[in-house]
Amino acid sequence: WLVFEQAETLFNRALNAKAATVVLAVNENRQVESLARMARRLRN
């Protein structure tokens, strides 16, 4: 388990993943669209 303080740091590290599990946190719905963009970029 690799722990990251910020979602952006985690995102940059996960861009090189092949089959890892990435766990993001959401605290309010204003964060949803930015998380969705992160998820789409990671998936692609």
All heavy atoms as atom14 arrays in JSON, in Angstrom:
{
  "sequence": "WLVFEQAETLFNRALNAKAATVVLAVNENRQVESLARMARRLRN",
  "atom14_mask": [
    [1, 1, 1, 1, 1, 1, 1, 1, 1, 1, 1, 1, 1, 1],
    [1, 1, 1, 1, 1, 1, 1, 1, 0, 0, 0, 0, 0, 0],
    [1, 1, 1, 1, 1, 1, 1, 0, 0, 0, 0, 0, 0, 0],
    [1, 1, 1, 1, 1, 1, 1, 1, 1, 1, 1, 0, 0, 0],
    [1, 1, 1, 1, 1, 1, 1, 1, 1, 0, 0, 0, 0, 0],
    [1, 1, 1, 1, 1, 1, 1, 1, 1, 0, 0, 0, 0, 0],
    [1, 1, 1, 1, 1, 0, 0, 0, 0, 0, 0, 0, 0, 0],
    [1, 1, 1, 1, 1, 1, 1, 1, 1, 0, 0, 0, 0, 0],
    [1, 1, 1, 1, 1, 1, 1, 0, 0, 0, 0, 0, 0, 0],
    [1, 1, 1, 1, 1, 1, 1, 1, 0, 0, 0, 0, 0, 0],
    [1, 1, 1, 1, 1, 1, 1, 1, 1, 1, 1, 0, 0, 0],
    [1, 1, 1, 1, 1, 1, 1, 1, 0, 0, 0, 0, 0, 0],
    [1, 1, 1, 1, 1, 1, 1, 1, 1, 1, 1, 0, 0, 0],
    [1, 1, 1, 1, 1, 0, 0, 0, 0, 0, 0, 0, 0, 0],
    [1, 1, 1, 1, 1, 1, 1, 1, 0, 0, 0, 0, 0, 0],
    [1, 1, 1, 1, 1, 1, 1, 1, 0, 0, 0, 0, 0, 0],
    [1, 1, 1, 1, 1, 0, 0, 0, 0, 0, 0, 0, 0, 0],
    [1, 1, 1, 1, 1, 1, 1, 1, 1, 0, 0, 0, 0, 0],
    [1, 1, 1, 1, 1, 0, 0, 0, 0, 0, 0, 0, 0, 0],
    [1, 1, 1, 1, 1, 0, 0, 0, 0, 0, 0, 0, 0, 0],
    [1, 1, 1, 1, 1, 1, 1, 0, 0, 0, 0, 0, 0, 0],
    [1, 1, 1, 1, 1, 1, 1, 0, 0, 0, 0, 0, 0, 0],
    [1, 1, 1, 1, 1, 1, 1, 0, 0, 0, 0, 0, 0, 0],
    [1, 1, 1, 1, 1, 1, 1, 1, 0, 0, 0, 0, 0, 0],
    [1, 1, 1, 1, 1, 0, 0, 0, 0, 0, 0, 0, 0, 0],
    [1, 1, 1, 1, 1, 1, 1, 0, 0, 0, 0, 0, 0, 0],
    [1, 1, 1, 1, 1, 1, 1, 1, 0, 0, 0, 0, 0, 0],
    [1, 1, 1, 1, 1, 1, 1, 1, 1, 0, 0, 0, 0, 0],
    [1, 1, 1, 1, 1, 1, 1, 1, 0, 0, 0, 0, 0, 0],
    [1, 1, 1, 1, 1, 1, 1, 1, 1, 1, 1, 0, 0, 0],
    [1, 1, 1, 1, 1, 1, 1, 1, 1, 0, 0, 0, 0, 0],
    [1, 1, 1, 1, 1, 1, 1, 0, 0, 0, 0, 0, 0, 0],
    [1, 1, 1, 1, 1, 1, 1, 1, 1, 0, 0, 0, 0, 0],
    [1, 1, 1, 1, 1, 1, 0, 0, 0, 0, 0, 0, 0, 0],
    [1, 1, 1, 1, 1, 1, 1, 1, 0, 0, 0, 0, 0, 0],
    [1, 1, 1, 1, 1, 0, 0, 0, 0, 0, 0, 0, 0, 0],
    [1, 1, 1, 1, 1, 1, 1, 1, 1, 1, 1, 0, 0, 0],
    [1, 1, 1, 1, 1, 1, 1, 1, 0, 0, 0, 0, 0, 0],
    [1, 1, 1, 1, 1, 0, 0, 0, 0, 0, 0, 0, 0, 0],
    [1, 1, 1, 1, 1, 1, 1, 1, 1, 1, 1, 0, 0, 0],
    [1, 1, 1, 1, 1, 1, 1, 1, 1, 1, 1, 0, 0, 0],
    [1, 1, 1, 1, 1, 1, 1, 1, 0, 0, 0, 0, 0, 0],
    [1, 1, 1, 1, 1, 1, 1, 1, 1, 1, 1, 0, 0, 0],
    [1, 1, 1, 1, 1, 1, 1, 1, 0, 0, 0, 0, 0, 0]
  ],
  "atom14_positions": [
    [[0.85, -1.19, 0.0], [0.0, 0.0, 0.0], [0.88, 1.24, 0.0], [1.65, 1.46, 0.94], [-0.92, 0.01, 1.23], [-1.99, -1.04, 1.17], [-1.84, -2.37, 1.35], [-3.38, -0.81, 0.92], [-3.04, -3.02, 1.23], [-4.02, -2.08, 0.96], [-4.15, 0.31, 0.67], [-5.37, -2.25, 0.76], [-5.51, 0.15, 0.46], [-6.11, -1.11, 0.5]],
    [[0.76, 2.04, -1.04], [1.48, 3.31, -1.13], [0.5, 4.44, -0.86], [-0.52, 4.57, -1.54], [2.1, 3.48, -2.52], [3.04, 2.34, -2.97], [3.6, 2.65, -4.36], [4.16, 2.13, -1.97], [0.0, 0.0, 0.0], [0.0, 0.0, 0.0], [0.0, 0.0, 0.0], [0.0, 0.0, 0.0], [0.0, 0.0, 0.0], [0.0, 0.0, 0.0]],
    [[0.81, 5.26, 0.17], [-0.1, 6.3, 0.62], [0.37, 7.66, 0.12], [1.57, 7.99, 0.22], [-0.19, 6.31, 2.16], [-1.19, 7.37, 2.64], [-0.62, 4.92, 2.67], [0.0, 0.0, 0.0], [0.0, 0.0, 0.0], [0.0, 0.0, 0.0], [0.0, 0.0, 0.0], [0.0, 0.0, 0.0], [0.0, 0.0, 0.0], [0.0, 0.0, 0.0]],
    [[-0.57, 8.45, -0.41], [-0.25, 9.78, -0.96], [-1.12, 10.82, -0.26], [-2.32, 10.61, -0.04], [-0.51, 9.82, -2.47], [0.32, 8.85, -3.25], [-0.05, 7.5, -3.36], [1.49, 9.26, -3.87], [0.72, 6.61, -4.09], [2.26, 8.36, -4.6], [1.88, 7.03, -4.7], [0.0, 0.0, 0.0], [0.0, 0.0, 0.0], [0.0, 0.0, 0.0]],
    [[-0.51, 11.96, 0.04], [-1.24, 13.01, 0.75], [-2.25, 13.7, -0.15], [-3.38, 13.99, 0.26], [-0.26, 14.06, 1.31], [0.7, 13.52, 2.37], [-0.01, 13.14, 3.65], [-1.14, 13.66, 3.89], [0.53, 12.33, 4.43], [0.0, 0.0, 0.0], [0.0, 0.0, 0.0], [0.0, 0.0, 0.0], [0.0, 0.0, 0.0], [0.0, 0.0, 0.0]],
    [[-1.87, 13.97, -1.39], [-2.72, 14.74, -2.31], [-3.19, 13.87, -3.48], [-2.45, 12.99, -3.95], [-1.96, 15.96, -2.86], [-1.45, 16.9, -1.8], [-2.58, 17.55, -1.02], [-3.67, 17.78, -1.56], [-2.33, 17.84, 0.25], [0.0, 0.0, 0.0], [0.0, 0.0, 0.0], [0.0, 0.0, 0.0], [0.0, 0.0, 0.0], [0.0, 0.0, 0.0]],
    [[-4.39, 14.15, -3.93], [-4.95, 13.39, -5.06], [-4.13, 13.6, -6.32], [-3.97, 12.66, -7.13], [-6.4, 13.81, -5.29], [0.0, 0.0, 0.0], [0.0, 0.0, 0.0], [0.0, 0.0, 0.0], [0.0, 0.0, 0.0], [0.0, 0.0, 0.0], [0.0, 0.0, 0.0], [0.0, 0.0, 0.0], [0.0, 0.0, 0.0], [0.0, 0.0, 0.0]],
    [[-3.59, 14.81, -6.52], [-2.82, 15.09, -7.73], [-1.53, 14.26, -7.78], [-1.14, 13.76, -8.82], [-2.49, 16.58, -7.82], [-3.68, 17.48, -8.09], [-4.54, 17.7, -6.84], [-4.1, 17.28, -5.74], [-5.64, 18.26, -6.97], [0.0, 0.0, 0.0], [0.0, 0.0, 0.0], [0.0, 0.0, 0.0], [0.0, 0.0, 0.0], [0.0, 0.0, 0.0]],
    [[-0.87, 14.14, -6.6], [0.36, 13.34, -6.54], [0.05, 11.87, -6.83], [0.77, 11.19, -7.56], [1.01, 13.48, -5.16], [1.14, 14.85, -4.81], [2.37, 12.82, -5.13], [0.0, 0.0, 0.0], [0.0, 0.0, 0.0], [0.0, 0.0, 0.0], [0.0, 0.0, 0.0], [0.0, 0.0, 0.0], [0.0, 0.0, 0.0], [0.0, 0.0, 0.0]],
    [[-1.04, 11.38, -6.25], [-1.47, 10.01, -6.5], [-1.78, 9.8, -7.99], [-1.39, 8.79, -8.59], [-2.7, 9.71, -5.65], [-3.48, 8.44, -5.95], [-2.6, 7.21, -5.82], [-4.69, 8.32, -5.04], [0.0, 0.0, 0.0], [0.0, 0.0, 0.0], [0.0, 0.0, 0.0], [0.0, 0.0, 0.0], [0.0, 0.0, 0.0], [0.0, 0.0, 0.0]],
    [[-2.45, 10.77, -8.58], [-2.82, 10.67, -9.99], [-1.59, 10.57, -10.88], [-1.51, 9.71, -11.78], [-3.67, 11.88, -10.38], [-3.9, 12.03, -11.86], [-4.78, 11.22, -12.52], [-3.21, 13.0, -12.58], [-4.99, 11.34, -13.89], [-3.42, 13.14, -13.94], [-4.31, 12.31, -14.59], [0.0, 0.0, 0.0], [0.0, 0.0, 0.0], [0.0, 0.0, 0.0]],
    [[-0.59, 11.41, -10.64], [0.62, 11.41, -11.46], [1.37, 10.08, -11.34], [1.92, 9.58, -12.31], [1.54, 12.57, -11.06], [0.94, 13.92, -11.44], [0.21, 14.02, -12.42], [1.23, 14.94, -10.66], [0.0, 0.0, 0.0], [0.0, 0.0, 0.0], [0.0, 0.0, 0.0], [0.0, 0.0, 0.0], [0.0, 0.0, 0.0], [0.0, 0.0, 0.0]],
    [[1.38, 9.51, -10.15], [2.03, 8.2, -9.96], [1.23, 7.09, -10.64], [1.8, 6.16, -11.23], [2.15, 7.92, -8.46], [2.57, 6.52, -8.09], [3.98, 6.2, -8.58], [4.4, 4.87, -8.13], [4.01, 3.74, -8.67], [3.18, 3.75, -9.74], [4.44, 2.58, -8.2], [0.0, 0.0, 0.0], [0.0, 0.0, 0.0], [0.0, 0.0, 0.0]],
    [[-0.1, 7.18, -10.61], [-0.96, 6.11, -11.15], [-0.96, 6.09, -12.67], [-1.35, 5.08, -13.26], [-2.38, 6.28, -10.63], [0.0, 0.0, 0.0], [0.0, 0.0, 0.0], [0.0, 0.0, 0.0], [0.0, 0.0, 0.0], [0.0, 0.0, 0.0], [0.0, 0.0, 0.0], [0.0, 0.0, 0.0], [0.0, 0.0, 0.0], [0.0, 0.0, 0.0]],
    [[-0.52, 7.16, -13.33], [-0.51, 7.19, -14.79], [0.38, 6.1, -15.38], [0.22, 5.74, -16.56], [-0.06, 8.56, -15.29], [-1.11, 9.69, -15.24], [-0.48, 11.02, -15.58], [-2.27, 9.37, -16.17], [0.0, 0.0, 0.0], [0.0, 0.0, 0.0], [0.0, 0.0, 0.0], [0.0, 0.0, 0.0], [0.0, 0.0, 0.0], [0.0, 0.0, 0.0]],
    [[1.32, 5.58, -14.58], [2.22, 4.53, -15.07], [1.77, 3.13, -14.64], [2.48, 2.17, -14.88], [3.64, 4.79, -14.54], [4.22, 6.09, -15.07], [4.05, 6.4, -16.24], [4.86, 6.85, -14.2], [0.0, 0.0, 0.0], [0.0, 0.0, 0.0], [0.0, 0.0, 0.0], [0.0, 0.0, 0.0], [0.0, 0.0, 0.0], [0.0, 0.0, 0.0]],
    [[0.61, 3.05, -13.99], [0.14, 1.76, -13.49], [-0.36, 0.88, -14.64], [-0.79, 1.38, -15.68], [-0.96, 1.97, -12.46], [0.0, 0.0, 0.0], [0.0, 0.0, 0.0], [0.0, 0.0, 0.0], [0.0, 0.0, 0.0], [0.0, 0.0, 0.0], [0.0, 0.0, 0.0], [0.0, 0.0, 0.0], [0.0, 0.0, 0.0], [0.0, 0.0, 0.0]],
    [[-0.3, -0.44, -14.43], [-0.81, -1.41, -15.4], [-2.05, -2.14, -14.88], [-3.01, -2.35, -15.62], [0.28, -2.42, -15.75], [1.52, -1.81, -16.38], [1.19, -1.14, -17.71], [2.45, -0.58, -18.36], [2.14, 0.16, -19.62], [0.0, 0.0, 0.0], [0.0, 0.0, 0.0], [0.0, 0.0, 0.0], [0.0, 0.0, 0.0], [0.0, 0.0, 0.0]],
    [[-1.98, -2.57, -13.62], [-3.11, -3.32, -13.06], [-3.27, -3.03, -11.57], [-3.92, -3.81, -10.86], [-2.91, -4.81, -13.28], [0.0, 0.0, 0.0], [0.0, 0.0, 0.0], [0.0, 0.0, 0.0], [0.0, 0.0, 0.0], [0.0, 0.0, 0.0], [0.0, 0.0, 0.0], [0.0, 0.0, 0.0], [0.0, 0.0, 0.0], [0.0, 0.0, 0.0]],
    [[-2.71, -1.93, -11.09], [-2.79, -1.6, -9.67], [-4.2, -1.14, -9.3], [-5.05, -0.89, -10.17], [-1.77, -0.51, -9.33], [0.0, 0.0, 0.0], [0.0, 0.0, 0.0], [0.0, 0.0, 0.0], [0.0, 0.0, 0.0], [0.0, 0.0, 0.0], [0.0, 0.0, 0.0], [0.0, 0.0, 0.0], [0.0, 0.0, 0.0], [0.0, 0.0, 0.0]],
    [[-4.44, -1.0, -8.0], [-5.7, -0.47, -7.49], [-5.47, 0.95, -6.99], [-4.59, 1.18, -6.15], [-6.24, -1.34, -6.34], [-6.43, -2.68, -6.81], [-7.56, -0.8, -5.82], [0.0, 0.0, 0.0], [0.0, 0.0, 0.0], [0.0, 0.0, 0.0], [0.0, 0.0, 0.0], [0.0, 0.0, 0.0], [0.0, 0.0, 0.0], [0.0, 0.0, 0.0]],
    [[-6.23, 1.89, -7.5], [-6.1, 3.3, -7.14], [-7.32, 3.71, -6.34], [-8.46, 3.53, -6.8], [-5.96, 4.18, -8.41], [-5.84, 5.65, -8.04], [-4.78, 3.73, -9.25], [0.0, 0.0, 0.0], [0.0, 0.0, 0.0], [0.0, 0.0, 0.0], [0.0, 0.0, 0.0], [0.0, 0.0, 0.0], [0.0, 0.0, 0.0], [0.0, 0.0, 0.0]],
    [[-7.11, 4.26, -5.14], [-8.22, 4.63, -4.25], [-8.2, 6.13, -4.03], [-7.24, 6.68, -3.47], [-8.13, 3.9, -2.9], [-9.37, 4.21, -2.06], [-7.98, 2.4, -3.1], [0.0, 0.0, 0.0], [0.0, 0.0, 0.0], [0.0, 0.0, 0.0], [0.0, 0.0, 0.0], [0.0, 0.0, 0.0], [0.0, 0.0, 0.0], [0.0, 0.0, 0.0]],
    [[-9.24, 6.82, -4.5], [-9.41, 8.26, -4.35], [-10.51, 8.55, -3.34], [-11.38, 7.71, -3.1], [-9.75, 8.9, -5.69], [-8.7, 8.74, -6.81], [-9.32, 9.06, -8.15], [-7.5, 9.63, -6.53], [0.0, 0.0, 0.0], [0.0, 0.0, 0.0], [0.0, 0.0, 0.0], [0.0, 0.0, 0.0], [0.0, 0.0, 0.0], [0.0, 0.0, 0.0]],
    [[-10.47, 9.74, -2.75], [-11.46, 10.13, -1.75], [-12.3, 11.28, -2.27], [-11.82, 12.14, -3.01], [-10.76, 10.54, -0.45], [0.0, 0.0, 0.0], [0.0, 0.0, 0.0], [0.0, 0.0, 0.0], [0.0, 0.0, 0.0], [0.0, 0.0, 0.0], [0.0, 0.0, 0.0], [0.0, 0.0, 0.0], [0.0, 0.0, 0.0], [0.0, 0.0, 0.0]],
    [[-13.58, 11.3, -1.89], [-14.46, 12.41, -2.21], [-15.17, 12.86, -0.94], [-15.72, 12.04, -0.2], [-15.47, 12.03, -3.32], [-16.34, 10.85, -2.91], [-16.34, 13.22, -3.7], [0.0, 0.0, 0.0], [0.0, 0.0, 0.0], [0.0, 0.0, 0.0], [0.0, 0.0, 0.0], [0.0, 0.0, 0.0], [0.0, 0.0, 0.0], [0.0, 0.0, 0.0]],
    [[-15.13, 14.17, -0.7], [-15.68, 14.72, 0.53], [-16.93, 15.56, 0.29], [-17.73, 15.75, 1.19], [-14.61, 15.57, 1.22], [-14.94, 15.86, 2.66], [-15.4, 14.98, 3.39], [-14.73, 17.1, 3.09], [0.0, 0.0, 0.0], [0.0, 0.0, 0.0], [0.0, 0.0, 0.0], [0.0, 0.0, 0.0], [0.0, 0.0, 0.0], [0.0, 0.0, 0.0]],
    [[-17.08, 16.08, -0.94], [-18.24, 16.89, -1.3], [-18.44, 16.8, -2.8], [-17.5, 16.51, -3.55], [-18.05, 18.34, -0.86], [-16.78, 18.99, -1.38], [-16.59, 20.39, -0.86], [-17.48, 20.88, -0.13], [-15.56, 21.02, -1.17], [0.0, 0.0, 0.0], [0.0, 0.0, 0.0], [0.0, 0.0, 0.0], [0.0, 0.0, 0.0], [0.0, 0.0, 0.0]],
    [[-19.68, 17.05, -3.24], [-19.96, 16.79, -4.66], [-19.33, 17.81, -5.6], [-19.3, 17.59, -6.81], [-21.47, 16.67, -4.93], [-22.24, 17.89, -4.49], [-21.67, 18.95, -4.24], [-23.55, 17.74, -4.37], [0.0, 0.0, 0.0], [0.0, 0.0, 0.0], [0.0, 0.0, 0.0], [0.0, 0.0, 0.0], [0.0, 0.0, 0.0], [0.0, 0.0, 0.0]],
    [[-18.76, 18.9, -5.07], [-18.03, 19.82, -5.93], [-16.73, 19.21, -6.44], [-16.14, 19.7, -7.41], [-17.73, 21.12, -5.18], [-18.93, 22.05, -5.09], [-18.61, 23.33, -4.38], [-18.33, 23.09, -2.96], [-18.12, 24.06, -2.07], [-18.13, 25.32, -2.46], [-17.88, 23.78, -0.81], [0.0, 0.0, 0.0], [0.0, 0.0, 0.0], [0.0, 0.0, 0.0]],
    [[-16.28, 18.12, -5.83], [-15.06, 17.46, -6.27], [-15.33, 16.42, -7.36], [-14.39, 15.9, -7.95], [-14.41, 16.74, -5.07], [-14.04, 17.65, -3.93], [-13.61, 16.85, -2.69], [-14.1, 15.75, -2.47], [-12.71, 17.41, -1.92], [0.0, 0.0, 0.0], [0.0, 0.0, 0.0], [0.0, 0.0, 0.0], [0.0, 0.0, 0.0], [0.0, 0.0, 0.0]],
    [[-16.58, 16.14, -7.64], [-16.92, 15.0, -8.5], [-16.39, 15.17, -9.91], [-15.8, 14.25, -10.49], [-18.45, 14.77, -8.5], [-18.83, 13.77, -9.59], [-18.91, 14.28, -7.14], [0.0, 0.0, 0.0], [0.0, 0.0, 0.0], [0.0, 0.0, 0.0], [0.0, 0.0, 0.0], [0.0, 0.0, 0.0], [0.0, 0.0, 0.0], [0.0, 0.0, 0.0]],
    [[-16.58, 16.35, -10.51], [-16.17, 16.51, -11.9], [-14.66, 16.39, -12.07], [-14.19, 15.78, -13.04], [-16.67, 17.84, -12.44], [-18.19, 17.88, -12.6], [-18.67, 19.03, -13.46], [-17.8, 19.78, -13.98], [-19.89, 19.19, -13.61], [0.0, 0.0, 0.0], [0.0, 0.0, 0.0], [0.0, 0.0, 0.0], [0.0, 0.0, 0.0], [0.0, 0.0, 0.0]],
    [[-13.88, 16.93, -11.13], [-12.42, 16.8, -11.24], [-12.0, 15.34, -11.04], [-11.1, 14.85, -11.73], [-11.73, 17.7, -10.22], [-12.06, 17.33, -8.9], [0.0, 0.0, 0.0], [0.0, 0.0, 0.0], [0.0, 0.0, 0.0], [0.0, 0.0, 0.0], [0.0, 0.0, 0.0], [0.0, 0.0, 0.0], [0.0, 0.0, 0.0], [0.0, 0.0, 0.0]],
    [[-12.67, 14.62, -10.13], [-12.37, 13.2, -9.95], [-12.75, 12.4, -11.2], [-12.03, 11.46, -11.58], [-13.12, 12.66, -8.74], [-12.57, 13.02, -7.35], [-13.47, 12.44, -6.27], [-11.16, 12.51, -7.18], [0.0, 0.0, 0.0], [0.0, 0.0, 0.0], [0.0, 0.0, 0.0], [0.0, 0.0, 0.0], [0.0, 0.0, 0.0], [0.0, 0.0, 0.0]],
    [[-13.87, 12.77, -11.82], [-14.28, 12.07, -13.04], [-13.26, 12.26, -14.15], [-12.94, 11.32, -14.9], [-15.65, 12.57, -13.49], [0.0, 0.0, 0.0], [0.0, 0.0, 0.0], [0.0, 0.0, 0.0], [0.0, 0.0, 0.0], [0.0, 0.0, 0.0], [0.0, 0.0, 0.0], [0.0, 0.0, 0.0], [0.0, 0.0, 0.0], [0.0, 0.0, 0.0]],
    [[-12.71, 13.47, -14.27], [-11.69, 13.72, -15.29], [-10.42, 12.91, -14.99], [-9.76, 12.38, -15.9], [-11.37, 15.2, -15.36], [-12.54, 16.04, -15.87], [-12.2, 17.51, -15.93], [-13.37, 18.31, -16.19], [-13.88, 18.53, -17.39], [-13.29, 18.0, -18.46], [-14.96, 19.27, -17.55], [0.0, 0.0, 0.0], [0.0, 0.0, 0.0], [0.0, 0.0, 0.0]],
    [[-10.06, 12.82, -13.71], [-8.91, 12.0, -13.33], [-9.15, 10.54, -13.71], [-8.28, 9.88, -14.29], [-8.67, 12.09, -11.82], [-8.0, 13.33, -11.33], [-7.63, 13.2, -9.56], [-6.97, 14.84, -9.25], [0.0, 0.0, 0.0], [0.0, 0.0, 0.0], [0.0, 0.0, 0.0], [0.0, 0.0, 0.0], [0.0, 0.0, 0.0], [0.0, 0.0, 0.0]],
    [[-10.32, 10.02, -13.37], [-10.64, 8.63, -13.66], [-10.6, 8.36, -15.16], [-10.09, 7.32, -15.61], [-12.01, 8.27, -13.07], [0.0, 0.0, 0.0], [0.0, 0.0, 0.0], [0.0, 0.0, 0.0], [0.0, 0.0, 0.0], [0.0, 0.0, 0.0], [0.0, 0.0, 0.0], [0.0, 0.0, 0.0], [0.0, 0.0, 0.0], [0.0, 0.0, 0.0]],
    [[-11.14, 9.27, -15.95], [-11.15, 9.07, -17.4], [-9.74, 9.07, -17.97], [-9.38, 8.24, -18.81], [-12.01, 10.16, -18.06], [-12.09, 10.09, -19.59], [-12.49, 8.71, -20.1], [-13.75, 8.26, -19.58], [-14.92, 8.42, -20.17], [-14.99, 9.03, -21.32], [-16.01, 7.94, -19.61], [0.0, 0.0, 0.0], [0.0, 0.0, 0.0], [0.0, 0.0, 0.0]],
    [[-8.89, 9.99, -17.5], [-7.5, 10.03, -17.99], [-6.73, 8.78, -17.58], [-5.95, 8.22, -18.35], [-6.8, 11.28, -17.48], [-7.25, 12.58, -18.16], [-6.38, 13.74, -17.74], [-4.98, 13.52, -18.09], [-3.98, 14.29, -17.66], [-4.23, 15.31, -16.86], [-2.73, 14.03, -18.02], [0.0, 0.0, 0.0], [0.0, 0.0, 0.0], [0.0, 0.0, 0.0]],
    [[-6.96, 8.32, -16.35], [-6.31, 7.09, -15.9], [-6.77, 5.9, -16.74], [-5.96, 5.05, -17.14], [-6.61, 6.83, -14.42], [-5.87, 7.7, -13.4], [-6.38, 7.42, -11.99], [-4.37, 7.44, -13.47], [0.0, 0.0, 0.0], [0.0, 0.0, 0.0], [0.0, 0.0, 0.0], [0.0, 0.0, 0.0], [0.0, 0.0, 0.0], [0.0, 0.0, 0.0]],
    [[-8.06, 5.83, -17.0], [-8.6, 4.7, -17.76], [-8.05, 4.68, -19.17], [-7.66, 3.63, -19.7], [-10.13, 4.78, -17.77], [-10.81, 3.61, -18.42], [-10.47, 2.31, -17.74], [-10.96, 2.25, -16.37], [-10.57, 1.34, -15.49], [-9.68, 0.42, -15.84], [-11.03, 1.35, -14.25], [0.0, 0.0, 0.0], [0.0, 0.0, 0.0], [0.0, 0.0, 0.0]],
    [[-8.0, 5.85, -19.82], [-7.49, 5.92, -21.18], [-6.0, 5.63, -21.24], [-5.5, 5.04, -22.21], [-7.78, 7.29, -21.79], [-9.25, 7.49, -22.1], [-10.0, 6.53, -22.25], [-9.68, 8.73, -22.18], [0.0, 0.0, 0.0], [0.0, 0.0, 0.0], [0.0, 0.0, 0.0], [0.0, 0.0, 0.0], [0.0, 0.0, 0.0], [0.0, 0.0, 0.0]]
  ]
}
